[in-house]
């Protein structure tokens, strides 16, 4: 065993440095020798450790030597710095479309990209919050299948489900397959969506990936290339609220100045913002008009007013009236 392990010494040395050292946790040559002998059954002297470290440095591993009262070696620059890993962990933890089990698996993998001590700190910063998480573990395979279909320029077929008041998944169209040409995937409102072309309806549609079932790649080529040639996913996301489609209309608003940041965050810095008076400004944007858009507008309260077109104003008033009817005496 010891003779066989001699050939692997430098690889074990690299693992030890990557897993156990960072700027605050150093290992000197004697400590490295002891770990190799006791844990890996590889008799080692300091000269061999020095040679191994020199070879690994030539290979490209950023091994830093600290001299002085408490000398030792540690890994300096890594592919991912700790602040970057914190961002990734938070993104995984807060993402609704990633199940709780898969979140834990992904975080464990991210922890392997830093030292053990850093991984422990990373784990301490993961707060288990009462967030709604997806329950469909097959989403990862659905995403992989969609990417493969896009790469192969093929259509896909899938079943689509919806929740019932009994908290059960029920297939739409009595389980009949949807045949679509996949062109993009996007993350919107904490959910993953497929952006696809429906050849039968001759229009772009979108579907929540976690509601897709039994997705498979077909032999037929994708359609809708001309439609997607000038498709702008960023603009599509700006005008679509909650990924609910509607007819595209340029809508004009009058807003209180305090809502400037809200409008810029939603529609981007390109929108015009013209002063109306000392406390208000006017702006306009192309909106996919839907109940979700009206709900967003209502959520901003009296600080925003739809000024046009008249048909959209009338629809918004009707939307509000229907809500009020639920609270009026019969």
C-alpha atoms as a PDB file:
ATOM      1  CA  UNK A   1       0.000   0.000   0.000  1.00  0.00           C
ATOM      2  CA  UNK A   2       2.749   2.465   0.978  1.00  0.00           C
ATOM      3  CA  UNK A   3       4.742   1.758  -2.209  1.00  0.00           C
ATOM      4  CA  UNK A   4       1.648   2.292  -4.354  1.00  0.00           C
ATOM      5  CA  UNK A   5       0.794   5.517  -2.556  1.00  0.00           C
ATOM      6  CA  UNK A   6       4.270   6.960  -3.216  1.00  0.00           C
ATOM      7  CA  UNK A   7       3.211   7.575  -6.828  1.00  0.00           C
ATOM      8  CA  UNK A   8       0.160   9.488  -5.605  1.00  0.00           C
ATOM      9  CA  UNK A   9       2.041  11.603  -3.052  1.00  0.00           C
ATOM     10  CA  UNK A  10       1.947  14.834  -5.045  1.00  0.00           C
ATOM     11  CA  UNK A  11      -1.791  14.460  -5.725  1.00  0.00           C
ATOM     12  CA  UNK A  12      -2.529  13.903  -2.048  1.00  0.00           C
ATOM     13  CA  UNK A  13      -0.313  16.884  -1.220  1.00  0.00           C
ATOM     14  CA  UNK A  14      -2.375  19.036  -3.581  1.00  0.00           C
ATOM     15  CA  UNK A  15      -5.636  17.808  -1.994  1.00  0.00           C
ATOM     16  CA  UNK A  16      -4.361  18.591   1.505  1.00  0.00           C
ATOM     17  CA  UNK A  17      -3.360  22.128   0.543  1.00  0.00           C
ATOM     18  CA  UNK A  18      -6.653  22.807  -1.270  1.00  0.00           C
ATOM     19  CA  UNK A  19      -8.881  21.360   1.451  1.00  0.00           C
ATOM     20  CA  UNK A  20      -7.115  22.432   4.613  1.00  0.00           C
ATOM     21  CA  UNK A  21      -5.297  25.701   3.989  1.00  0.00           C
ATOM     22  CA  UNK A  22      -6.235  29.317   3.391  1.00  0.00           C
ATOM     23  CA  UNK A  23      -4.829  32.681   4.458  1.00  0.00           C
ATOM     24  CA  UNK A  24      -5.774  32.069   8.080  1.00  0.00           C
ATOM     25  CA  UNK A  25      -4.949  28.340   8.207  1.00  0.00           C
ATOM     26  CA  UNK A  26      -1.394  27.375   7.262  1.00  0.00           C
ATOM     27  CA  UNK A  27       0.468  24.070   7.266  1.00  0.00           C
ATOM     28  CA  UNK A  28       4.249  23.845   7.532  1.00  0.00           C
ATOM     29  CA  UNK A  29       6.441  21.144   6.002  1.00  0.00           C
ATOM     30  CA  UNK A  30       6.491  18.984   9.156  1.00  0.00           C
ATOM     31  CA  UNK A  31       2.696  19.098   9.449  1.00  0.00           C
ATOM     32  CA  UNK A  32       2.335  18.121   5.797  1.00  0.00           C
ATOM     33  CA  UNK A  33       4.729  15.208   6.351  1.00  0.00           C
ATOM     34  CA  UNK A  34       2.722  14.030   9.369  1.00  0.00           C
ATOM     35  CA  UNK A  35      -0.612  14.165   7.478  1.00  0.00           C
ATOM     36  CA  UNK A  36       0.820  12.228   4.526  1.00  0.00           C
ATOM     37  CA  UNK A  37       2.290   9.561   6.851  1.00  0.00           C
ATOM     38  CA  UNK A  38      -0.614   9.169   9.291  1.00  0.00           C
ATOM     39  CA  UNK A  39      -3.614   9.599   6.986  1.00  0.00           C
ATOM     40  CA  UNK A  40      -2.297   8.367   3.648  1.00  0.00           C
ATOM     41  CA  UNK A  41       0.393   5.875   4.765  1.00  0.00           C
ATOM     42  CA  UNK A  42       3.098   7.663   2.759  1.00  0.00           C
ATOM     43  CA  UNK A  43       6.444   8.110   4.563  1.00  0.00           C
ATOM     44  CA  UNK A  44       7.650  11.599   3.606  1.00  0.00           C
ATOM     45  CA  UNK A  45      10.473  13.966   4.545  1.00  0.00           C
ATOM     46  CA  UNK A  46      10.583  17.742   4.292  1.00  0.00           C
ATOM     47  CA  UNK A  47      12.775  17.720   1.181  1.00  0.00           C
ATOM     48  CA  UNK A  48      10.125  15.692  -0.656  1.00  0.00           C
ATOM     49  CA  UNK A  49       7.428  18.146   0.466  1.00  0.00           C
ATOM     50  CA  UNK A  50       9.495  21.102  -0.794  1.00  0.00           C
ATOM     51  CA  UNK A  51       9.960  19.389  -4.149  1.00  0.00           C
ATOM     52  CA  UNK A  52       6.246  18.601  -4.377  1.00  0.00           C
ATOM     53  CA  UNK A  53       5.270  22.181  -3.571  1.00  0.00           C
ATOM     54  CA  UNK A  54       7.672  23.498  -6.209  1.00  0.00           C
ATOM     55  CA  UNK A  55       6.179  21.127  -8.810  1.00  0.00           C
ATOM     56  CA  UNK A  56       2.607  22.107  -7.926  1.00  0.00           C
ATOM     57  CA  UNK A  57       3.547  25.792  -8.156  1.00  0.00           C
ATOM     58  CA  UNK A  58       4.992  25.196 -11.623  1.00  0.00           C
ATOM     59  CA  UNK A  59       1.755  23.417 -12.502  1.00  0.00           C
ATOM     60  CA  UNK A  60      -0.114  26.618 -11.684  1.00  0.00           C
ATOM     61  CA  UNK A  61      -1.358  26.110  -8.124  1.00  0.00           C
ATOM     62  CA  UNK A  62      -1.119  29.405  -6.202  1.00  0.00           C
ATOM     63  CA  UNK A  63       0.822  28.197  -3.154  1.00  0.00           C
ATOM     64  CA  UNK A  64       1.898  31.017  -0.856  1.00  0.00           C
ATOM     65  CA  UNK A  65       4.736  30.578   1.623  1.00  0.00           C
ATOM     66  CA  UNK A  66       4.608  32.614   4.804  1.00  0.00           C
ATOM     67  CA  UNK A  67       7.825  33.078   6.762  1.00  0.00           C
ATOM     68  CA  UNK A  68       8.452  34.372  10.251  1.00  0.00           C
ATOM     69  CA  UNK A  69       7.347  33.217  13.690  1.00  0.00           C
ATOM     70  CA  UNK A  70       4.609  30.863  12.407  1.00  0.00           C
ATOM     71  CA  UNK A  71       5.720  29.818   8.909  1.00  0.00           C
ATOM     72  CA  UNK A  72       3.724  27.645   6.592  1.00  0.00           C
ATOM     73  CA  UNK A  73       2.037  27.234   3.230  1.00  0.00           C
ATOM     74  CA  UNK A  74      -1.469  28.034   2.066  1.00  0.00           C
ATOM     75  CA  UNK A  75      -3.472  28.309  -1.139  1.00  0.00           C
ATOM     76  CA  UNK A  76      -3.734  31.932  -2.235  1.00  0.00           C
ATOM     77  CA  UNK A  77      -5.918  32.618  -5.253  1.00  0.00           C
ATOM     78  CA  UNK A  78      -8.649  30.097  -6.026  1.00  0.00           C
ATOM     79  CA  UNK A  79     -10.946  29.782  -8.999  1.00  0.00           C
ATOM     80  CA  UNK A  80     -13.784  31.119  -6.806  1.00  0.00           C
ATOM     81  CA  UNK A  81     -13.192  33.633  -4.033  1.00  0.00           C
ATOM     82  CA  UNK A  82     -15.213  33.336  -0.804  1.00  0.00           C
ATOM     83  CA  UNK A  83     -17.453  36.382  -1.571  1.00  0.00           C
ATOM     84  CA  UNK A  84     -18.326  34.811  -4.945  1.00  0.00           C
ATOM     85  CA  UNK A  85     -19.234  31.518  -3.275  1.00  0.00           C
ATOM     86  CA  UNK A  86     -21.422  33.371  -0.770  1.00  0.00           C
ATOM     87  CA  UNK A  87     -23.345  34.905  -3.666  1.00  0.00           C
ATOM     88  CA  UNK A  88     -23.799  31.507  -5.344  1.00  0.00           C
ATOM     89  CA  UNK A  89     -24.916  29.845  -2.099  1.00  0.00           C
ATOM     90  CA  UNK A  90     -27.460  32.586  -1.473  1.00  0.00           C
ATOM     91  CA  UNK A  91     -28.758  32.293  -5.049  1.00  0.00           C
ATOM     92  CA  UNK A  92     -29.212  28.531  -4.660  1.00  0.00           C
ATOM     93  CA  UNK A  93     -30.823  28.845  -1.241  1.00  0.00           C
ATOM     94  CA  UNK A  94     -33.257  31.573  -2.269  1.00  0.00           C
ATOM     95  CA  UNK A  95     -34.227  30.069  -5.624  1.00  0.00           C
ATOM     96  CA  UNK A  96     -37.780  28.740  -5.560  1.00  0.00           C
ATOM     97  CA  UNK A  97     -37.418  26.434  -8.560  1.00  0.00           C
ATOM     98  CA  UNK A  98     -34.601  24.438  -6.889  1.00  0.00           C
ATOM     99  CA  UNK A  99     -35.959  21.860  -4.448  1.00  0.00           C
ATOM    100  CA  UNK A 100     -34.771  21.769  -0.838  1.00  0.00           C
ATOM    101  CA  UNK A 101     -32.889  18.493  -1.373  1.00  0.00           C
ATOM    102  CA  UNK A 102     -31.161  19.730  -4.527  1.00  0.00           C
ATOM    103  CA  UNK A 103     -30.289  23.020  -2.776  1.00  0.00           C
ATOM    104  CA  UNK A 104     -28.430  21.086  -0.079  1.00  0.00           C
ATOM    105  CA  UNK A 105     -26.620  18.974  -2.690  1.00  0.00           C
ATOM    106  CA  UNK A 106     -25.526  22.014  -4.705  1.00  0.00           C
ATOM    107  CA  UNK A 107     -24.332  23.874  -1.605  1.00  0.00           C
ATOM    108  CA  UNK A 108     -22.236  20.844  -0.566  1.00  0.00           C
ATOM    109  CA  UNK A 109     -20.602  20.902  -4.010  1.00  0.00           C
ATOM    110  CA  UNK A 110     -19.931  24.624  -3.757  1.00  0.00           C
ATOM    111  CA  UNK A 111     -18.267  24.058  -0.380  1.00  0.00           C
ATOM    112  CA  UNK A 112     -15.665  21.863  -2.099  1.00  0.00           C
ATOM    113  CA  UNK A 113     -14.434  24.912  -4.002  1.00  0.00           C
ATOM    114  CA  UNK A 114     -12.940  26.403  -0.843  1.00  0.00           C
ATOM    115  CA  UNK A 115     -11.027  25.189   2.210  1.00  0.00           C
ATOM    116  CA  UNK A 116     -12.697  23.223   5.002  1.00  0.00           C
ATOM    117  CA  UNK A 117     -12.635  26.180   7.398  1.00  0.00           C
ATOM    118  CA  UNK A 118     -14.136  28.474   4.760  1.00  0.00           C
ATOM    119  CA  UNK A 119     -16.763  25.842   3.975  1.00  0.00           C
ATOM    120  CA  UNK A 120     -17.726  25.718   7.659  1.00  0.00           C
ATOM    121  CA  UNK A 121     -18.145  29.501   7.672  1.00  0.00           C
ATOM    122  CA  UNK A 122     -20.148  29.257   4.472  1.00  0.00           C
ATOM    123  CA  UNK A 123     -22.447  26.672   6.062  1.00  0.00           C
ATOM    124  CA  UNK A 124     -22.995  28.873   9.110  1.00  0.00           C
ATOM    125  CA  UNK A 125     -24.205  31.670   6.835  1.00  0.00           C
ATOM    126  CA  UNK A 126     -26.875  29.528   5.193  1.00  0.00           C
ATOM    127  CA  UNK A 127     -30.135  30.446   6.908  1.00  0.00           C
ATOM    128  CA  UNK A 128     -33.017  28.038   6.438  1.00  0.00           C
ATOM    129  CA  UNK A 129     -35.868  30.437   5.693  1.00  0.00           C
ATOM    130  CA  UNK A 130     -39.514  29.480   5.283  1.00  0.00           C
ATOM    131  CA  UNK A 131     -39.412  29.958   1.520  1.00  0.00           C
ATOM    132  CA  UNK A 132     -41.655  28.181  -0.917  1.00  0.00           C
ATOM    133  CA  UNK A 133     -39.473  25.690  -2.815  1.00  0.00           C
ATOM    134  CA  UNK A 134     -40.279  23.573  -5.841  1.00  0.00           C
ATOM    135  CA  UNK A 135     -41.129  19.923  -5.266  1.00  0.00           C
ATOM    136  CA  UNK A 136     -40.487  18.689  -8.806  1.00  0.00           C
ATOM    137  CA  UNK A 137     -37.030  17.065  -8.778  1.00  0.00           C
ATOM    138  CA  UNK A 138     -37.248  16.339 -12.517  1.00  0.00           C
ATOM    139  CA  UNK A 139     -36.749  20.027 -13.386  1.00  0.00           C
ATOM    140  CA  UNK A 140     -33.003  19.462 -13.773  1.00  0.00           C
ATOM    141  CA  UNK A 141     -33.555  16.750 -16.365  1.00  0.00           C
ATOM    142  CA  UNK A 142     -36.166  18.904 -18.101  1.00  0.00           C
ATOM    143  CA  UNK A 143     -33.670  21.767 -18.385  1.00  0.00           C
ATOM    144  CA  UNK A 144     -30.981  19.422 -19.706  1.00  0.00           C
ATOM    145  CA  UNK A 145     -33.373  17.980 -22.295  1.00  0.00           C
ATOM    146  CA  UNK A 146     -34.393  21.467 -23.441  1.00  0.00           C
ATOM    147  CA  UNK A 147     -30.770  22.559 -23.814  1.00  0.00           C
ATOM    148  CA  UNK A 148     -30.004  19.427 -25.828  1.00  0.00           C
ATOM    149  CA  UNK A 149     -32.985  20.063 -28.093  1.00  0.00           C
ATOM    150  CA  UNK A 150     -31.857  23.660 -28.721  1.00  0.00           C
ATOM    151  CA  UNK A 151     -28.332  22.440 -29.476  1.00  0.00           C
ATOM    152  CA  UNK A 152     -29.641  19.782 -31.886  1.00  0.00           C
ATOM    153  CA  UNK A 153     -32.207  22.160 -33.443  1.00  0.00           C
ATOM    154  CA  UNK A 154     -35.086  19.807 -32.628  1.00  0.00           C
ATOM    155  CA  UNK A 155     -38.666  20.219 -31.444  1.00  0.00           C
ATOM    156  CA  UNK A 156     -39.782  18.837 -28.089  1.00  0.00           C
ATOM    157  CA  UNK A 157     -42.961  17.243 -26.776  1.00  0.00           C
ATOM    158  CA  UNK A 158     -44.122  17.426 -23.176  1.00  0.00           C
ATOM    159  CA  UNK A 159     -47.149  17.268 -20.923  1.00  0.00           C
ATOM    160  CA  UNK A 160     -48.102  20.346 -18.911  1.00  0.00           C
ATOM    161  CA  UNK A 161     -49.561  20.328 -15.417  1.00  0.00           C
ATOM    162  CA  UNK A 162     -51.316  22.728 -13.053  1.00  0.00           C
ATOM    163  CA  UNK A 163     -52.130  22.759  -9.353  1.00  0.00           C
ATOM    164  CA  UNK A 164     -55.644  22.000  -8.116  1.00  0.00           C
ATOM    165  CA  UNK A 165     -57.244  23.317  -4.893  1.00  0.00           C
ATOM    166  CA  UNK A 166     -56.599  19.832  -3.485  1.00  0.00           C
ATOM    167  CA  UNK A 167     -52.838  20.574  -3.860  1.00  0.00           C
ATOM    168  CA  UNK A 168     -52.433  17.974  -6.582  1.00  0.00           C
ATOM    169  CA  UNK A 169     -50.726  18.209  -9.934  1.00  0.00           C
ATOM    170  CA  UNK A 170     -53.215  17.726 -12.774  1.00  0.00           C
ATOM    171  CA  UNK A 171     -52.243  17.389 -16.429  1.00  0.00           C
ATOM    172  CA  UNK A 172     -53.799  19.900 -18.778  1.00  0.00           C
ATOM    173  CA  UNK A 173     -55.543  18.847 -21.985  1.00  0.00           C
ATOM    174  CA  UNK A 174     -56.206  15.492 -20.307  1.00  0.00           C
ATOM    175  CA  UNK A 175     -52.531  14.612 -20.673  1.00  0.00           C
ATOM    176  CA  UNK A 176     -52.215  15.414 -24.381  1.00  0.00           C
ATOM    177  CA  UNK A 177     -48.712  16.397 -25.522  1.00  0.00           C
ATOM    178  CA  UNK A 178     -47.618  19.920 -26.320  1.00  0.00           C
ATOM    179  CA  UNK A 179     -45.283  20.072 -29.344  1.00  0.00           C
ATOM    180  CA  UNK A 180     -43.068  23.165 -29.301  1.00  0.00           C
ATOM    181  CA  UNK A 181     -39.870  24.538 -30.813  1.00  0.00           C
ATOM    182  CA  UNK A 182     -37.625  25.555 -27.883  1.00  0.00           C
ATOM    183  CA  UNK A 183     -35.548  28.701 -28.379  1.00  0.00           C
ATOM    184  CA  UNK A 184     -34.569  29.964 -24.936  1.00  0.00           C
ATOM    185  CA  UNK A 185     -34.743  29.457 -21.179  1.00  0.00           C
ATOM    186  CA  UNK A 186     -35.182  32.358 -18.788  1.00  0.00           C
ATOM    187  CA  UNK A 187     -35.413  32.857 -15.040  1.00  0.00           C
ATOM    188  CA  UNK A 188     -38.249  35.221 -14.138  1.00  0.00           C
ATOM    189  CA  UNK A 189     -40.074  35.878 -10.858  1.00  0.00           C
ATOM    190  CA  UNK A 190     -38.148  33.037  -9.153  1.00  0.00           C
ATOM    191  CA  UNK A 191     -39.228  30.494 -11.773  1.00  0.00           C
ATOM    192  CA  UNK A 192     -37.591  28.907 -14.824  1.00  0.00           C
ATOM    193  CA  UNK A 193     -39.460  29.394 -18.102  1.00  0.00           C
ATOM    194  CA  UNK A 194     -39.182  27.846 -21.545  1.00  0.00           C
ATOM    195  CA  UNK A 195     -39.584  30.346 -24.396  1.00  0.00           C
ATOM    196  CA  UNK A 196     -40.822  28.431 -27.432  1.00  0.00           C
ATOM    197  CA  UNK A 197     -42.539  28.781 -30.792  1.00  0.00           C
ATOM    198  CA  UNK A 198     -45.955  27.209 -31.247  1.00  0.00           C
ATOM    199  CA  UNK A 199     -46.154  26.419 -34.976  1.00  0.00           C
ATOM    200  CA  UNK A 200     -49.871  25.626 -34.812  1.00  0.00           C
ATOM    201  CA  UNK A 201     -50.741  28.985 -33.234  1.00  0.00           C
ATOM    202  CA  UNK A 202     -47.897  30.758 -35.073  1.00  0.00           C
ATOM    203  CA  UNK A 203     -46.798  32.651 -31.952  1.00  0.00           C
ATOM    204  CA  UNK A 204     -44.255  32.707 -29.168  1.00  0.00           C
ATOM    205  CA  UNK A 205     -45.327  31.062 -25.909  1.00  0.00           C
ATOM    206  CA  UNK A 206     -43.741  30.399 -22.544  1.00  0.00           C
ATOM    207  CA  UNK A 207     -44.094  27.564 -20.028  1.00  0.00           C
ATOM    208  CA  UNK A 208     -42.908  27.064 -16.458  1.00  0.00           C
ATOM    209  CA  UNK A 209     -40.322  24.300 -16.563  1.00  0.00           C
ATOM    210  CA  UNK A 210     -41.288  22.885 -13.163  1.00  0.00           C
ATOM    211  CA  UNK A 211     -44.796  22.227 -14.553  1.00  0.00           C
ATOM    212  CA  UNK A 212     -43.491  20.354 -17.591  1.00  0.00           C
ATOM    213  CA  UNK A 213     -43.664  16.562 -17.482  1.00  0.00           C
ATOM    214  CA  UNK A 214     -42.072  13.791 -19.562  1.00  0.00           C
ATOM    215  CA  UNK A 215     -40.211  16.104 -21.915  1.00  0.00           C
ATOM    216  CA  UNK A 216     -38.654  14.378 -24.908  1.00  0.00           C
ATOM    217  CA  UNK A 217     -36.741  15.441 -28.005  1.00  0.00           C
ATOM    218  CA  UNK A 218     -38.417  14.830 -31.363  1.00  0.00           C
ATOM    219  CA  UNK A 219     -36.816  14.138 -34.727  1.00  0.00           C
ATOM    220  CA  UNK A 220     -38.475  17.157 -36.347  1.00  0.00           C
ATOM    221  CA  UNK A 221     -36.501  20.391 -36.734  1.00  0.00           C
ATOM    222  CA  UNK A 222     -37.398  23.513 -34.788  1.00  0.00           C
ATOM    223  CA  UNK A 223     -39.647  26.056 -36.405  1.00  0.00           C
ATOM    224  CA  UNK A 224     -40.063  29.783 -35.864  1.00  0.00           C
ATOM    225  CA  UNK A 225     -36.524  30.850 -36.772  1.00  0.00           C
ATOM    226  CA  UNK A 226     -37.726  34.005 -38.524  1.00  0.00           C
ATOM    227  CA  UNK A 227     -39.920  34.912 -35.569  1.00  0.00           C
ATOM    228  CA  UNK A 228     -36.998  34.584 -33.162  1.00  0.00           C
ATOM    229  CA  UNK A 229     -34.443  36.263 -35.409  1.00  0.00           C
ATOM    230  CA  UNK A 230     -35.165  39.663 -33.847  1.00  0.00           C
ATOM    231  CA  UNK A 231     -36.528  38.384 -30.541  1.00  0.00           C
ATOM    232  CA  UNK A 232     -35.139  40.324 -27.566  1.00  0.00           C
ATOM    233  CA  UNK A 233     -35.458  38.281 -24.366  1.00  0.00           C
ATOM    234  CA  UNK A 234     -34.570  41.255 -22.142  1.00  0.00           C
ATOM    235  CA  UNK A 235     -37.289  43.422 -23.679  1.00  0.00           C
ATOM    236  CA  UNK A 236     -39.737  40.520 -23.469  1.00  0.00           C
ATOM    237  CA  UNK A 237     -39.071  40.196 -19.726  1.00  0.00           C
ATOM    238  CA  UNK A 238     -39.514  43.937 -19.133  1.00  0.00           C
ATOM    239  CA  UNK A 239     -42.955  44.162 -20.683  1.00  0.00           C
ATOM    240  CA  UNK A 240     -44.280  40.809 -19.401  1.00  0.00           C
ATOM    241  CA  UNK A 241     -45.531  40.751 -15.811  1.00  0.00           C
ATOM    242  CA  UNK A 242     -45.331  37.419 -13.998  1.00  0.00           C
ATOM    243  CA  UNK A 243     -44.692  35.822 -17.419  1.00  0.00           C
ATOM    244  CA  UNK A 244     -48.385  36.209 -18.265  1.00  0.00           C
ATOM    245  CA  UNK A 245     -48.871  37.130 -21.883  1.00  0.00           C
ATOM    246  CA  UNK A 246     -51.206  39.735 -23.339  1.00  0.00           C
ATOM    247  CA  UNK A 247     -51.389  42.163 -26.224  1.00  0.00           C
ATOM    248  CA  UNK A 248     -48.481  44.592 -26.532  1.00  0.00           C
ATOM    249  CA  UNK A 249     -49.497  48.247 -26.132  1.00  0.00           C
ATOM    250  CA  UNK A 250     -47.502  51.395 -25.386  1.00  0.00           C
ATOM    251  CA  UNK A 251     -48.896  52.643 -22.082  1.00  0.00           C
ATOM    252  CA  UNK A 252     -48.399  56.149 -20.667  1.00  0.00           C
ATOM    253  CA  UNK A 253     -48.068  56.820 -16.940  1.00  0.00           C
ATOM    254  CA  UNK A 254     -47.999  59.782 -14.605  1.00  0.00           C
ATOM    255  CA  UNK A 255     -46.010  58.958 -11.456  1.00  0.00           C
ATOM    256  CA  UNK A 256     -44.944  60.541  -8.223  1.00  0.00           C
ATOM    257  CA  UNK A 257     -41.228  61.340  -8.170  1.00  0.00           C
ATOM    258  CA  UNK A 258     -40.713  58.767  -5.398  1.00  0.00           C
ATOM    259  CA  UNK A 259     -41.484  56.012  -7.944  1.00  0.00           C
ATOM    260  CA  UNK A 260     -38.617  56.955 -10.280  1.00  0.00           C
ATOM    261  CA  UNK A 261     -36.465  54.077  -9.020  1.00  0.00           C
ATOM    262  CA  UNK A 262     -39.338  51.591  -9.326  1.00  0.00           C
ATOM    263  CA  UNK A 263     -39.940  52.513 -12.969  1.00  0.00           C
ATOM    264  CA  UNK A 264     -36.247  52.437 -13.853  1.00  0.00           C
ATOM    265  CA  UNK A 265     -35.800  49.038 -12.172  1.00  0.00           C
ATOM    266  CA  UNK A 266     -38.781  47.628 -14.069  1.00  0.00           C
ATOM    267  CA  UNK A 267     -38.328  49.138 -17.548  1.00  0.00           C
ATOM    268  CA  UNK A 268     -34.659  50.138 -17.728  1.00  0.00           C
ATOM    269  CA  UNK A 269     -32.842  53.421 -18.047  1.00  0.00           C
ATOM    270  CA  UNK A 270     -33.941  53.899 -21.661  1.00  0.00           C
ATOM    271  CA  UNK A 271     -37.501  54.959 -20.769  1.00  0.00           C
ATOM    272  CA  UNK A 272     -38.288  58.694 -21.043  1.00  0.00           C
ATOM    273  CA  UNK A 273     -38.957  60.548 -17.783  1.00  0.00           C
ATOM    274  CA  UNK A 274     -40.470  63.989 -18.384  1.00  0.00           C
ATOM    275  CA  UNK A 275     -41.303  66.305 -15.451  1.00  0.00           C
ATOM    276  CA  UNK A 276     -45.059  66.939 -15.185  1.00  0.00           C
ATOM    277  CA  UNK A 277     -44.831  69.262 -12.162  1.00  0.00           C
ATOM    278  CA  UNK A 278     -42.660  69.519  -9.065  1.00  0.00           C
ATOM    279  CA  UNK A 279     -43.947  66.233  -7.632  1.00  0.00           C
ATOM    280  CA  UNK A 280     -44.693  64.115 -10.727  1.00  0.00           C
ATOM    281  CA  UNK A 281     -43.140  62.876 -13.967  1.00  0.00           C
ATOM    282  CA  UNK A 282     -44.542  61.228 -17.079  1.00  0.00           C
ATOM    283  CA  UNK A 283     -43.197  58.121 -18.777  1.00  0.00           C
ATOM    284  CA  UNK A 284     -44.273  55.425 -21.209  1.00  0.00           C
ATOM    285  CA  UNK A 285     -43.342  51.816 -21.983  1.00  0.00           C
ATOM    286  CA  UNK A 286     -44.528  48.938 -24.136  1.00  0.00           C
ATOM    287  CA  UNK A 287     -46.530  46.615 -21.881  1.00  0.00           C
ATOM    288  CA  UNK A 288     -47.953  43.153 -22.401  1.00  0.00           C
ATOM    289  CA  UNK A 289     -51.301  44.170 -20.913  1.00  0.00           C
ATOM    290  CA  UNK A 290     -52.677  41.498 -18.570  1.00  0.00           C
ATOM    291  CA  UNK A 291     -54.328  41.189 -15.121  1.00  0.00           C
ATOM    292  CA  UNK A 292     -50.824  40.717 -13.689  1.00  0.00           C
ATOM    293  CA  UNK A 293     -49.785  44.115 -15.074  1.00  0.00           C
ATOM    294  CA  UNK A 294     -52.871  45.709 -13.502  1.00  0.00           C
ATOM    295  CA  UNK A 295     -52.051  43.994 -10.209  1.00  0.00           C
ATOM    296  CA  UNK A 296     -48.512  45.425 -10.322  1.00  0.00           C
ATOM    297  CA  UNK A 297     -49.911  48.892 -11.001  1.00  0.00           C
ATOM    298  CA  UNK A 298     -52.442  48.601  -8.162  1.00  0.00           C
ATOM    299  CA  UNK A 299     -49.637  47.557  -5.824  1.00  0.00           C
ATOM    300  CA  UNK A 300     -47.992  50.970  -6.352  1.00  0.00           C
ATOM    301  CA  UNK A 301     -51.147  52.660  -5.059  1.00  0.00           C
ATOM    302  CA  UNK A 302     -52.198  56.225  -5.799  1.00  0.00           C
ATOM    303  CA  UNK A 303     -48.651  57.197  -6.709  1.00  0.00           C
ATOM    304  CA  UNK A 304     -49.109  55.999 -10.292  1.00  0.00           C
ATOM    305  CA  UNK A 305     -51.846  56.736 -12.826  1.00  0.00           C
ATOM    306  CA  UNK A 306     -52.375  55.169 -16.241  1.00  0.00           C
ATOM    307  CA  UNK A 307     -52.949  58.065 -18.651  1.00  0.00           C
ATOM    308  CA  UNK A 308     -53.465  56.174 -21.867  1.00  0.00           C
ATOM    309  CA  UNK A 309     -54.541  54.705 -24.094  1.00  0.00           C
ATOM    310  CA  UNK A 310     -58.206  54.995 -23.125  1.00  0.00           C
ATOM    311  CA  UNK A 311     -58.920  51.296 -23.650  1.00  0.00           C
ATOM    312  CA  UNK A 312     -56.237  50.327 -21.134  1.00  0.00           C
ATOM    313  CA  UNK A 313     -57.553  52.882 -18.624  1.00  0.00           C
ATOM    314  CA  UNK A 314     -61.054  51.414 -19.028  1.00  0.00           C
ATOM    315  CA  UNK A 315     -59.758  47.850 -18.531  1.00  0.00           C
ATOM    316  CA  UNK A 316     -57.852  48.909 -15.413  1.00  0.00           C
ATOM    317  CA  UNK A 317     -60.951  50.585 -13.948  1.00  0.00           C
ATOM    318  CA  UNK A 318     -62.974  47.435 -14.607  1.00  0.00           C
ATOM    319  CA  UNK A 319     -60.213  45.351 -12.977  1.00  0.00           C
ATOM    320  CA  UNK A 320     -60.397  47.509  -9.836  1.00  0.00           C
ATOM    321  CA  UNK A 321     -64.215  47.501  -9.822  1.00  0.00           C
ATOM    322  CA  UNK A 322     -64.330  43.706  -9.850  1.00  0.00           C
ATOM    323  CA  UNK A 323     -61.999  43.593  -6.876  1.00  0.00           C
ATOM    324  CA  UNK A 324     -64.081  46.138  -4.971  1.00  0.00           C
ATOM    325  CA  UNK A 325     -67.242  44.110  -5.618  1.00  0.00           C
ATOM    326  CA  UNK A 326     -65.796  41.372  -3.420  1.00  0.00           C
ATOM    327  CA  UNK A 327     -65.852  43.780  -0.462  1.00  0.00           C
ATOM    328  CA  UNK A 328     -69.185  45.478  -1.019  1.00  0.00           C
ATOM    329  CA  UNK A 329     -72.391  44.302   0.604  1.00  0.00           C
ATOM    330  CA  UNK A 330     -74.543  42.100  -1.591  1.00  0.00           C
END
